Amino acid sequence: TSVFFGFLFGYLSYKFRTLAANQTSTNTEQQGIPNRCREIHRFTMIISICYFLLAIAVALMVVMSKRTDIVFYLGWAFLMLSALVVYIIVRDLSLLTNRNDHNHMHEVALMTPLLEPTTSPKNCNDHTVAPKVIPDIRTILKPPTSSKPSTHVPEVTGIAITNKDQHYVGMAPHAPRPAWLSTNGTGQANVEANCWSISLENWVRFVDACIATATWSILCETKGEGNVNMYDINLHFIKPWTNGTGCSIACLMDNNQGPVDLMVSHAWAGSVIESLASIKTITTMYLLPKETRIFFDSVCLYQADDGAIGGLTIPQQLAMKPFTTIIHQKPQHGMFIIHTTIYEVYERLWCVHEVDEAIEANIETCGAFDPTSWNDKALKSIVTSFSTSSAECQGQSDKEMLTKLINHRGGFERLDIMVREVRQNSIKDLEAANLFEQLFSMSISSVDTFDGNKGWSEIYR
């Protein structure tokens, strides 16, 4: 037994030494990873040596069993080595599981999920279409009617900010279009629906570009960072940046879109910042390459709906059934369902339909979440506090069609069972994410897997 544990800890020591040597990120927050890996390397190496010494001590005791005086001393040596092993384990584990003050402060401020039904933006199809609000509201502050000439005439232009009830709550300036984003592409109509995809790397790049603007800052000041959702991203970024091109964001970022490797199911009313952390988390936890191509409807469909050459209208795209087409081609990495704390994803019937299609296609389905926004209690609370049969969607005809399809395939109860399993597995994933944070004093979603350095997936593959 001692020899076995000696080799086991020796192997772990080697792996952590390799991991420390290959972590070359310049990200300041990630500098703690190689340091902690070296600590674990030393810890496991010492434990390995102690176990081998224990094995030697036991072997000598057996060989010299007739020499009681030598066996006595060997027995003491065995006890001392055992005590040393216990001491090292207790000491090092107490250090490895010690969270920093920031993590404790963050737990206090942890958000809990919003489980009460909320009003969805009114649109003809809440799965893919943005709310119908005036896209451009211009406010001009006229100069005062004083006889003295005005030295400054401020002019404020932008796009209206609305809350979940579609009430005007502010104004955000037009977001400057990134210089790297192409102004033309293949055109949505010229790409097969099963190839409407974007790489994980480009999805993160796009969201980061949105976050880097003054428009995002104003949205956060007005609504709160965690409450900025995909409706806001579509209205303030996607539509203005793709208008007149006939191309989705995905098409503009990659003319050579390929088959989908991973389906992402999400609610448009969910938090964007949590969705970003969720994508980064599954990339690290599930060892997904940054080139993995995903279907994320808001950026993979042409949202401008402006009749541009090469483009397609929302109804034309939905008629091509991209989700059903992609899911039945069995994406390599299955489907991930993003859960955010501000919105229950299964209040939307279209998201329920996506689970139904995943079951029908018999593909693996997993939950995705931001580990810094959820805790065990919050995740456990949503395992049972939902019912897919109560989900709603705008448009009575869509609701009747989807409900009829689900009932024909066996009803909503089987979907509830699937969702519960996904969420129970997410609790285990959260425990793993928390262990990572305990070991390395940083959230797993903070690990930069898009910087081109050799990372976790390349080491363990």
Foldseek 3Di string as FASTA:
>chain_A
DLLVLLVVLQVLLVLLQVQLVQPDDPPPLQPLSSVLSNVSSVLSNVLSVLSVVLVVLVVVCVVVVVVVVVNVVSVVVNVVSVVVNVVSVVVSVVQQQDFDPVLVVLVVVFFFADLDDDAAADDQWQQFAAHDDDLWDWDWQDDDPDPDDDPDGDTDIAGFDAARVRDTQDGFHAWDADPPFAQEADAPLNDQLQQLWAFLLVVLVQVVSVCPTSRLVVNCVRQNQQQDFQSNCLSRPFQVNNPQHNAFSRRRVDRDGDGAQEEEAEGRRGGPVWVLLQSLLCCQVVVNARRHIYCDNHRSARHNQPPHPRHDHPVVSVVSVSLLVRLLVARNQQYEYEDHRYDDRLLALVSLLSLVSNVVSVYDYAYTTNLSNDDLVSLVVPLPSDFSVNHDIHDPVVVVVSQVVQVVVPHRVVSSVVSSVRSVVVSVVSVVQSSVCSRSVDGSSPDDSNPPGDHDSNSVD
